[in-house]
Each structure stands twice: as C-alpha cells, then as structure tokens.
Amino acid sequence: MAGLAKGLAIVEAFTAHRSQLTVTDAAKATGITPAAARRCLLTLRELGYLQQDGGYFRPTPRMMRLGAAYLEAAGLPSLAQPFVLAARDELTESVSVAVYEDGSALIVARAEVQRIVNTGVRLGAQMPAYASASGRVLLTGLSEAELESYLESCTPVRTTPNTLMTIPEIRSRIELARVEGVAFTNEELELGVRSMAVPVTDSSGAVRAAMTASTFTARASIDEMRGKFLPVLRRQAEGLSRML
C-alpha cells in the first residue's frame, strides 16, 4: 500500500501549472525520496500513464482515465454541464465549474469557446485557490477555522507581476468575494487573462462549487465583465444551485 500511496502522490503532483516533472521535482512535491520518486515515475511510464523526454516526465492521455470514473459518476459534473454550455454560448467565452480540493480549485465541468488561442484551462485542471477567482469563491465556503488553517499553510508563488503575495491581501480578496458574491482576478495567474467567478450553493446555502468565466484582457475590462458576464453567470449558477 505504501507504493500505491507514493504513486498516487506523484500523479497528484501534476497540475495545470506543473505539467512536467523531473525526479527532483517529484521528490520535492511529494516529500518522498528521489529514489522512490524515480521508481514511481518509471513505473507510471511503463504503465503508459507518463511519457519521458530526457529528464522530464509528462502525463499521457491515458492519465485522464484515472479521473474519468469520478467525472462520469459524480452528480455535480453531469448536472453542471448544461449550465456551463448555456453560459458559454451566451457570453462566447470559456466557462467552467470548479470544486474545492485540498487548497485548489478543481475543474469538474468545462465548456471551451472555439478560438485559435484559448486560455489554457482544461477539465481536471487544478488552480491555486488563493490566486484564482474560482478558488476565492470556494474559500468563502470554508468555516472560519478551516480558512485560518488554509491561510496559515498558504505559500503564494508568483506566476505574474500581479500575483498577490501576502496573506492580508489574499484574505481581503476572499472577504470581498464573500460580501459581493463574486470574485475577480486580473492577470494574477496568467498574463493577458481575466476571470470572474460566482458561487454555486446547495439547498442549505452552503457553497458547493464556483462557476467561472475567463477572457483575454483585450476582450473585456473588469467593468465590462461586471456589466455583461456577471448577470449571465449568476443566472446560470442559480439554475444549477436549484438542482443541488
């Protein structure tokens, strides 16, 4: 079982912003020894879940099978997809639904707008909660104790000049999302990309997920997103909420 746990830790180390790993990277990300990390990476390669290019290991399409059973069986992704598609068609922008997963926003439903260049987020991707619009909305659903625990362990990583790097700044954005019922990011995870997220709640009012629309900075300002995106996202999120 120890070997299985190490292998799963390696699989979980791959994220949208860490799409390839060396042995050293894998060891640091999982806390296991380099020798154990190397054995796990080579085993996953032999099983067809990873491909190797020199010292780098990358997931193969077969890796998606590991999450396919969840995405097919879980109720939320299936329920969310019609609302995500409707929001995408109305906004002509990519829309997704994410749930909170161990400090990250995990994309469980996604509708991509067809353009030559897209925003790069894919189904199954994980984004840091502190730096993503969906993550900040999801963090509003934690209890005060859970949020404090998250913030105490949070170590921000700068991915753009706009990434928030202090806990007081991050806490302020989470509280603003709680008060306004919407969160924005402005080139904080990726240059040239803005995002807006609203909560999806269940019948008790608890935050179950976040619905997010992303666009390029050249296509809409934050004010324009408030005027055009927010009513659509709220309407579709409310429709999904009534299903939960």
C-alpha atoms as a PDB file:
ATOM      1  CA  MET A   1       0.000   0.000   0.000  1.00  0.00           C
ATOM      2  CA  ALA A   2       2.939   2.329   0.630  1.00  0.00           C
ATOM      3  CA  GLY A   3       3.960   2.023  -3.021  1.00  0.00           C
ATOM      4  CA  LEU A   4       0.430   2.819  -4.174  1.00  0.00           C
ATOM      5  CA  ALA A   5       0.309   5.879  -1.918  1.00  0.00           C
ATOM      6  CA  LYS A   6       3.590   7.145  -3.352  1.00  0.00           C
ATOM      7  CA  GLY A   7       2.398   6.564  -6.908  1.00  0.00           C
ATOM      8  CA  LEU A   8      -0.831   8.464  -6.289  1.00  0.00           C
ATOM      9  CA  ALA A   9       1.146  11.306  -4.716  1.00  0.00           C
ATOM     10  CA  ILE A  10       3.213  11.527  -7.909  1.00  0.00           C
ATOM     11  CA  VAL A  11       0.057  11.608 -10.042  1.00  0.00           C
ATOM     12  CA  GLU A  12      -1.396  14.415  -7.908  1.00  0.00           C
ATOM     13  CA  ALA A  13       1.835  16.411  -8.241  1.00  0.00           C
ATOM     14  CA  PHE A  14       0.987  17.156 -11.883  1.00  0.00           C
ATOM     15  CA  THR A  15      -1.153  20.300 -12.161  1.00  0.00           C
ATOM     16  CA  ALA A  16      -2.133  22.843 -14.808  1.00  0.00           C
ATOM     17  CA  HIS A  17       0.890  24.919 -13.802  1.00  0.00           C
ATOM     18  CA  ARG A  18       3.239  21.955 -13.307  1.00  0.00           C
ATOM     19  CA  SER A  19       2.739  19.854 -16.414  1.00  0.00           C
ATOM     20  CA  GLN A  20       6.122  18.117 -16.317  1.00  0.00           C
ATOM     21  CA  LEU A  21       8.328  16.815 -13.522  1.00  0.00           C
ATOM     22  CA  THR A  22      11.898  15.729 -13.069  1.00  0.00           C
ATOM     23  CA  VAL A  23      12.799  13.166 -10.418  1.00  0.00           C
ATOM     24  CA  THR A  24      13.923  16.020  -8.158  1.00  0.00           C
ATOM     25  CA  ASP A  25      10.686  17.951  -8.763  1.00  0.00           C
ATOM     26  CA  ALA A  26       8.586  14.894  -7.955  1.00  0.00           C
ATOM     27  CA  ALA A  27      10.517  14.201  -4.764  1.00  0.00           C
ATOM     28  CA  LYS A  28      10.134  17.794  -3.560  1.00  0.00           C
ATOM     29  CA  ALA A  29       6.431  17.962  -4.453  1.00  0.00           C
ATOM     30  CA  THR A  30       5.554  14.718  -2.672  1.00  0.00           C
ATOM     31  CA  GLY A  31       8.041  14.566   0.190  1.00  0.00           C
ATOM     32  CA  ILE A  32       9.356  11.143  -0.801  1.00  0.00           C
ATOM     33  CA  THR A  33      12.970  10.251  -1.519  1.00  0.00           C
ATOM     34  CA  PRO A  34      14.415  10.818  -5.004  1.00  0.00           C
ATOM     35  CA  ALA A  35      14.973   7.069  -5.348  1.00  0.00           C
ATOM     36  CA  ALA A  36      11.323   6.329  -4.558  1.00  0.00           C
ATOM     37  CA  ALA A  37      10.165   9.141  -6.848  1.00  0.00           C
ATOM     38  CA  ARG A  38      12.261   7.739  -9.693  1.00  0.00           C
ATOM     39  CA  ARG A  39      10.806   4.242  -9.226  1.00  0.00           C
ATOM     40  CA  CYS A  40       7.251   5.610  -9.243  1.00  0.00           C
ATOM     41  CA  LEU A  41       7.852   7.742 -12.332  1.00  0.00           C
ATOM     42  CA  LEU A  42       9.380   4.832 -14.234  1.00  0.00           C
ATOM     43  CA  THR A  43       6.525   2.519 -13.218  1.00  0.00           C
ATOM     44  CA  LEU A  44       3.931   5.057 -14.372  1.00  0.00           C
ATOM     45  CA  ARG A  45       5.861   5.394 -17.630  1.00  0.00           C
ATOM     46  CA  GLU A  46       5.871   1.626 -18.146  1.00  0.00           C
ATOM     47  CA  LEU A  47       2.116   1.511 -17.485  1.00  0.00           C
ATOM     48  CA  GLY A  48       1.535   4.179 -20.128  1.00  0.00           C
ATOM     49  CA  TYR A  49       0.464   6.991 -17.804  1.00  0.00           C
ATOM     50  CA  LEU A  50       3.608   9.075 -18.363  1.00  0.00           C
ATOM     51  CA  GLN A  51       5.952   9.756 -21.234  1.00  0.00           C
ATOM     52  CA  GLN A  52       9.620  10.600 -20.750  1.00  0.00           C
ATOM     53  CA  ASP A  53      11.620  13.223 -22.621  1.00  0.00           C
ATOM     54  CA  GLY A  54      15.153  13.239 -21.282  1.00  0.00           C
ATOM     55  CA  GLY A  55      14.887  14.042 -17.599  1.00  0.00           C
ATOM     56  CA  TYR A  56      11.265  15.214 -17.795  1.00  0.00           C
ATOM     57  CA  PHE A  57       8.108  13.156 -17.299  1.00  0.00           C
ATOM     58  CA  ARG A  58       4.739  14.291 -18.695  1.00  0.00           C
ATOM     59  CA  PRO A  59       1.221  12.795 -18.418  1.00  0.00           C
ATOM     60  CA  THR A  60      -0.204  10.911 -21.391  1.00  0.00           C
ATOM     61  CA  PRO A  61      -3.885  10.912 -22.427  1.00  0.00           C
ATOM     62  CA  ARG A  62      -4.224   7.635 -20.533  1.00  0.00           C
ATOM     63  CA  MET A  63      -3.796   9.600 -17.299  1.00  0.00           C
ATOM     64  CA  MET A  64      -7.294  11.011 -17.875  1.00  0.00           C
ATOM     65  CA  ARG A  65      -8.716   7.535 -17.227  1.00  0.00           C
ATOM     66  CA  LEU A  66      -7.819   7.929 -13.568  1.00  0.00           C
ATOM     67  CA  GLY A  67     -10.329  10.751 -13.248  1.00  0.00           C
ATOM     68  CA  ALA A  68     -12.871   9.538 -15.775  1.00  0.00           C
ATOM     69  CA  ALA A  69     -14.772   7.328 -13.332  1.00  0.00           C
ATOM     70  CA  TYR A  70     -15.257  10.239 -10.936  1.00  0.00           C
ATOM     71  CA  LEU A  71     -16.292  12.690 -13.627  1.00  0.00           C
ATOM     72  CA  GLU A  72     -18.814  10.231 -15.054  1.00  0.00           C
ATOM     73  CA  ALA A  73     -20.241   9.025 -11.754  1.00  0.00           C
ATOM     74  CA  ALA A  74     -20.310  12.232  -9.713  1.00  0.00           C
ATOM     75  CA  GLY A  75     -23.579  14.106  -9.848  1.00  0.00           C
ATOM     76  CA  LEU A  76     -22.260  17.660  -9.950  1.00  0.00           C
ATOM     77  CA  PRO A  77     -20.282  17.482 -13.226  1.00  0.00           C
ATOM     78  CA  SER A  78     -23.245  15.981 -15.079  1.00  0.00           C
ATOM     79  CA  LEU A  79     -25.682  18.476 -13.594  1.00  0.00           C
ATOM     80  CA  ALA A  80     -23.353  21.411 -14.267  1.00  0.00           C
ATOM     81  CA  GLN A  81     -22.575  20.797 -17.930  1.00  0.00           C
ATOM     82  CA  PRO A  82     -25.845  22.162 -19.429  1.00  0.00           C
ATOM     83  CA  PHE A  83     -25.499  25.381 -17.422  1.00  0.00           C
ATOM     84  CA  VAL A  84     -21.838  25.748 -18.358  1.00  0.00           C
ATOM     85  CA  LEU A  85     -22.705  25.293 -22.036  1.00  0.00           C
ATOM     86  CA  ALA A  86     -25.529  27.837 -21.821  1.00  0.00           C
ATOM     87  CA  ALA A  87     -23.255  30.429 -20.199  1.00  0.00           C
ATOM     88  CA  ARG A  88     -20.539  29.831 -22.796  1.00  0.00           C
ATOM     89  CA  ASP A  89     -22.972  30.226 -25.682  1.00  0.00           C
ATOM     90  CA  GLU A  90     -24.406  33.450 -24.270  1.00  0.00           C
ATOM     91  CA  LEU A  91     -21.043  35.009 -23.428  1.00  0.00           C
ATOM     92  CA  THR A  92     -18.959  33.452 -26.233  1.00  0.00           C
ATOM     93  CA  GLU A  93     -16.284  32.919 -23.580  1.00  0.00           C
ATOM     94  CA  SER A  94     -14.987  29.775 -21.889  1.00  0.00           C
ATOM     95  CA  VAL A  95     -16.892  28.806 -18.738  1.00  0.00           C
ATOM     96  CA  SER A  96     -16.144  26.212 -16.074  1.00  0.00           C
ATOM     97  CA  VAL A  97     -17.336  24.856 -12.736  1.00  0.00           C
ATOM     98  CA  ALA A  98     -14.824  24.032 -10.008  1.00  0.00           C
ATOM     99  CA  VAL A  99     -14.938  22.420  -6.571  1.00  0.00           C
ATOM    100  CA  TYR A 100     -12.581  22.845  -3.627  1.00  0.00           C
ATOM    101  CA  GLU A 101      -9.931  20.141  -3.406  1.00  0.00           C
ATOM    102  CA  ASP A 102      -7.131  20.354  -0.852  1.00  0.00           C
ATOM    103  CA  GLY A 103      -6.248  24.017  -1.345  1.00  0.00           C
ATOM    104  CA  SER A 104      -7.025  24.073  -5.057  1.00  0.00           C
ATOM    105  CA  ALA A 105      -9.934  24.758  -7.376  1.00  0.00           C
ATOM    106  CA  LEU A 106     -10.517  21.542  -9.347  1.00  0.00           C
ATOM    107  CA  ILE A 107     -12.271  21.950 -12.716  1.00  0.00           C
ATOM    108  CA  VAL A 108     -15.060  19.343 -12.963  1.00  0.00           C
ATOM    109  CA  ALA A 109     -17.113  20.820 -15.825  1.00  0.00           C
ATOM    110  CA  ARG A 110     -15.908  22.926 -18.738  1.00  0.00           C
ATOM    111  CA  ALA A 111     -17.200  24.466 -21.967  1.00  0.00           C
ATOM    112  CA  GLU A 112     -14.479  25.903 -24.176  1.00  0.00           C
ATOM    113  CA  VAL A 113     -15.134  28.588 -26.751  1.00  0.00           C
ATOM    114  CA  GLN A 114     -13.513  27.780 -30.081  1.00  0.00           C
ATOM    115  CA  ARG A 115     -10.704  30.229 -30.822  1.00  0.00           C
ATOM    116  CA  ILE A 116      -7.236  29.944 -32.310  1.00  0.00           C
ATOM    117  CA  VAL A 117      -5.799  30.773 -28.879  1.00  0.00           C
ATOM    118  CA  ASN A 118      -7.574  29.657 -25.692  1.00  0.00           C
ATOM    119  CA  THR A 119      -6.954  30.415 -22.030  1.00  0.00           C
ATOM    120  CA  GLY A 120      -5.299  27.042 -21.418  1.00  0.00           C
ATOM    121  CA  VAL A 121      -7.505  25.704 -18.590  1.00  0.00           C
ATOM    122  CA  ARG A 122      -8.668  22.124 -19.108  1.00  0.00           C
ATOM    123  CA  LEU A 123     -11.122  19.728 -17.487  1.00  0.00           C
ATOM    124  CA  GLY A 124      -9.452  18.188 -14.448  1.00  0.00           C
ATOM    125  CA  ALA A 125      -7.004  21.073 -14.036  1.00  0.00           C
ATOM    126  CA  GLN A 126      -6.218  22.373 -10.560  1.00  0.00           C
ATOM    127  CA  MET A 127      -5.577  26.036  -9.818  1.00  0.00           C
ATOM    128  CA  PRO A 128      -4.303  27.506  -6.546  1.00  0.00           C
ATOM    129  CA  ALA A 129      -7.260  28.740  -4.534  1.00  0.00           C
ATOM    130  CA  TYR A 130      -5.529  31.915  -3.337  1.00  0.00           C
ATOM    131  CA  ALA A 131      -4.795  33.167  -6.870  1.00  0.00           C
ATOM    132  CA  SER A 132      -7.880  32.112  -8.847  1.00  0.00           C
ATOM    133  CA  ALA A 133     -11.344  33.651  -8.970  1.00  0.00           C
ATOM    134  CA  SER A 134     -12.979  30.253  -8.531  1.00  0.00           C
ATOM    135  CA  GLY A 135     -10.671  29.434  -5.629  1.00  0.00           C
ATOM    136  CA  ARG A 136     -11.511  32.620  -3.755  1.00  0.00           C
ATOM    137  CA  VAL A 137     -15.224  31.930  -4.117  1.00  0.00           C
ATOM    138  CA  LEU A 138     -14.707  28.374  -2.876  1.00  0.00           C
ATOM    139  CA  LEU A 139     -12.695  29.622   0.099  1.00  0.00           C
ATOM    140  CA  THR A 140     -15.714  31.661   1.201  1.00  0.00           C
ATOM    141  CA  GLY A 141     -17.445  28.334   1.791  1.00  0.00           C
ATOM    142  CA  LEU A 142     -14.928  27.204   4.417  1.00  0.00           C
ATOM    143  CA  SER A 143     -15.563  27.644   8.115  1.00  0.00           C
ATOM    144  CA  GLU A 144     -13.515  30.309   9.878  1.00  0.00           C
ATOM    145  CA  ALA A 145     -11.285  27.626  11.389  1.00  0.00           C
ATOM    146  CA  GLU A 146     -10.800  25.924   8.021  1.00  0.00           C
ATOM    147  CA  LEU A 147      -9.972  29.227   6.342  1.00  0.00           C
ATOM    148  CA  GLU A 148      -7.459  30.116   9.054  1.00  0.00           C
ATOM    149  CA  SER A 149      -5.813  26.731   8.652  1.00  0.00           C
ATOM    150  CA  TYR A 150      -5.629  27.205   4.886  1.00  0.00           C
ATOM    151  CA  LEU A 151      -4.130  30.691   5.159  1.00  0.00           C
ATOM    152  CA  GLU A 152      -1.576  29.559   7.742  1.00  0.00           C
ATOM    153  CA  SER A 153      -0.303  26.888   5.365  1.00  0.00           C
ATOM    154  CA  CYS A 154      -0.605  29.009   2.208  1.00  0.00           C
ATOM    155  CA  THR A 155       2.685  29.791   0.470  1.00  0.00           C
ATOM    156  CA  PRO A 156       1.960  32.051  -2.518  1.00  0.00           C
ATOM    157  CA  VAL A 157       4.009  31.538  -5.667  1.00  0.00           C
ATOM    158  CA  ARG A 158       4.400  34.464  -8.041  1.00  0.00           C
ATOM    159  CA  THR A 159       3.372  33.497 -11.572  1.00  0.00           C
ATOM    160  CA  THR A 160       2.827  37.048 -12.874  1.00  0.00           C
ATOM    161  CA  PRO A 161       3.652  40.552 -11.580  1.00  0.00           C
ATOM    162  CA  ASN A 162       0.003  40.785 -10.419  1.00  0.00           C
ATOM    163  CA  THR A 163       0.011  37.678  -8.205  1.00  0.00           C
ATOM    164  CA  LEU A 164      -0.953  38.568  -4.627  1.00  0.00           C
ATOM    165  CA  MET A 165       1.906  37.551  -2.354  1.00  0.00           C
ATOM    166  CA  THR A 166       0.790  38.489   1.174  1.00  0.00           C
ATOM    167  CA  ILE A 167      -1.776  36.736   3.355  1.00  0.00           C
ATOM    168  CA  PRO A 168      -3.550  40.010   4.334  1.00  0.00           C
ATOM    169  CA  GLU A 169      -4.099  40.809   0.636  1.00  0.00           C
ATOM    170  CA  ILE A 170      -5.399  37.313  -0.061  1.00  0.00           C
ATOM    171  CA  ARG A 171      -7.671  37.384   2.990  1.00  0.00           C
ATOM    172  CA  SER A 172      -9.046  40.758   1.888  1.00  0.00           C
ATOM    173  CA  ARG A 173      -9.963  39.388  -1.556  1.00  0.00           C
ATOM    174  CA  ILE A 174     -11.669  36.363  -0.017  1.00  0.00           C
ATOM    175  CA  GLU A 175     -13.714  38.586   2.293  1.00  0.00           C
ATOM    176  CA  LEU A 176     -14.629  40.847  -0.632  1.00  0.00           C
ATOM    177  CA  ALA A 177     -15.826  37.780  -2.554  1.00  0.00           C
ATOM    178  CA  ARG A 178     -17.911  36.751   0.458  1.00  0.00           C
ATOM    179  CA  VAL A 179     -19.548  40.185   0.715  1.00  0.00           C
ATOM    180  CA  GLU A 180     -20.115  40.777  -3.011  1.00  0.00           C
ATOM    181  CA  GLY A 181     -20.868  37.198  -4.040  1.00  0.00           C
ATOM    182  CA  VAL A 182     -18.348  37.428  -6.877  1.00  0.00           C
ATOM    183  CA  ALA A 183     -14.564  37.247  -7.281  1.00  0.00           C
ATOM    184  CA  PHE A 184     -12.277  38.620  -9.973  1.00  0.00           C
ATOM    185  CA  THR A 185      -8.690  38.002 -10.957  1.00  0.00           C
ATOM    186  CA  ASN A 186      -6.822  40.345 -13.252  1.00  0.00           C
ATOM    187  CA  GLU A 187      -3.744  38.691 -14.797  1.00  0.00           C
ATOM    188  CA  GLU A 188      -2.856  37.102 -11.449  1.00  0.00           C
ATOM    189  CA  LEU A 189      -2.355  33.545 -12.703  1.00  0.00           C
ATOM    190  CA  GLU A 190      -1.617  34.203 -16.358  1.00  0.00           C
ATOM    191  CA  LEU A 191      -0.736  37.426 -18.158  1.00  0.00           C
ATOM    192  CA  GLY A 192      -3.450  38.592 -20.511  1.00  0.00           C
ATOM    193  CA  VAL A 193      -6.273  36.670 -18.801  1.00  0.00           C
ATOM    194  CA  ARG A 194      -9.078  37.939 -16.550  1.00  0.00           C
ATOM    195  CA  SER A 195     -11.564  35.738 -14.708  1.00  0.00           C
ATOM    196  CA  MET A 196     -14.817  36.146 -12.801  1.00  0.00           C
ATOM    197  CA  ALA A 197     -16.435  33.555 -10.518  1.00  0.00           C
ATOM    198  CA  VAL A 198     -19.707  33.268  -8.600  1.00  0.00           C
ATOM    199  CA  PRO A 199     -20.804  30.683  -6.023  1.00  0.00           C
ATOM    200  CA  VAL A 200     -22.965  27.639  -6.656  1.00  0.00           C
ATOM    201  CA  THR A 201     -24.832  26.717  -3.468  1.00  0.00           C
ATOM    202  CA  ASP A 202     -26.952  23.812  -2.281  1.00  0.00           C
ATOM    203  CA  SER A 203     -30.389  23.958  -0.657  1.00  0.00           C
ATOM    204  CA  SER A 204     -28.845  24.886   2.701  1.00  0.00           C
ATOM    205  CA  GLY A 205     -26.971  27.830   1.198  1.00  0.00           C
ATOM    206  CA  ALA A 206     -23.559  26.174   1.530  1.00  0.00           C
ATOM    207  CA  VAL A 207     -21.054  26.875  -1.252  1.00  0.00           C
ATOM    208  CA  ARG A 208     -20.681  23.672  -3.257  1.00  0.00           C
ATOM    209  CA  ALA A 209     -18.838  24.966  -6.316  1.00  0.00           C
ATOM    210  CA  ALA A 210     -17.838  28.055  -8.276  1.00  0.00           C
ATOM    211  CA  MET A 211     -18.841  28.958 -11.836  1.00  0.00           C
ATOM    212  CA  THR A 212     -16.176  30.915 -13.692  1.00  0.00           C
ATOM    213  CA  ALA A 213     -15.844  32.750 -16.996  1.00  0.00           C
ATOM    214  CA  SER A 214     -12.423  33.700 -18.345  1.00  0.00           C
ATOM    215  CA  THR A 215     -11.455  36.053 -21.128  1.00  0.00           C
ATOM    216  CA  PHE A 216      -8.452  37.826 -22.565  1.00  0.00           C
ATOM    217  CA  THR A 217      -7.728  41.335 -21.308  1.00  0.00           C
ATOM    218  CA  ALA A 218      -8.096  42.704 -24.833  1.00  0.00           C
ATOM    219  CA  ARG A 219     -11.694  41.456 -24.972  1.00  0.00           C
ATOM    220  CA  ALA A 220     -13.152  42.876 -21.752  1.00  0.00           C
ATOM    221  CA  SER A 221     -12.252  45.122 -18.826  1.00  0.00           C
ATOM    222  CA  ILE A 222     -13.285  44.299 -15.261  1.00  0.00           C
ATOM    223  CA  ASP A 223     -16.114  46.846 -15.514  1.00  0.00           C
ATOM    224  CA  GLU A 224     -17.293  45.282 -18.771  1.00  0.00           C
ATOM    225  CA  MET A 225     -17.205  41.854 -17.144  1.00  0.00           C
ATOM    226  CA  ARG A 226     -19.350  43.163 -14.287  1.00  0.00           C
ATOM    227  CA  GLY A 227     -21.882  44.534 -16.729  1.00  0.00           C
ATOM    228  CA  LYS A 228     -22.012  41.629 -19.202  1.00  0.00           C
ATOM    229  CA  PHE A 229     -20.637  38.493 -17.545  1.00  0.00           C
ATOM    230  CA  LEU A 230     -21.985  38.799 -14.020  1.00  0.00           C
ATOM    231  CA  PRO A 231     -25.735  38.630 -14.804  1.00  0.00           C
ATOM    232  CA  VAL A 232     -25.222  35.580 -17.024  1.00  0.00           C
ATOM    233  CA  LEU A 233     -23.012  33.734 -14.544  1.00  0.00           C
ATOM    234  CA  ARG A 234     -25.364  34.453 -11.664  1.00  0.00           C
ATOM    235  CA  ARG A 235     -28.400  33.286 -13.617  1.00  0.00           C
ATOM    236  CA  GLN A 236     -26.751  30.022 -14.671  1.00  0.00           C
ATOM    237  CA  ALA A 237     -25.220  29.429 -11.228  1.00  0.00           C
ATOM    238  CA  GLU A 238     -28.622  29.952  -9.614  1.00  0.00           C
ATOM    239  CA  GLY A 239     -30.136  27.458 -12.041  1.00  0.00           C
ATOM    240  CA  LEU A 240     -27.509  24.890 -11.109  1.00  0.00           C
ATOM    241  CA  SER A 241     -27.954  25.672  -7.405  1.00  0.00           C
ATOM    242  CA  ARG A 242     -31.637  24.783  -7.642  1.00  0.00           C
ATOM    243  CA  MET A 243     -30.601  21.304  -8.807  1.00  0.00           C
ATOM    244  CA  LEU A 244     -28.455  20.625  -5.719  1.00  0.00           C
END
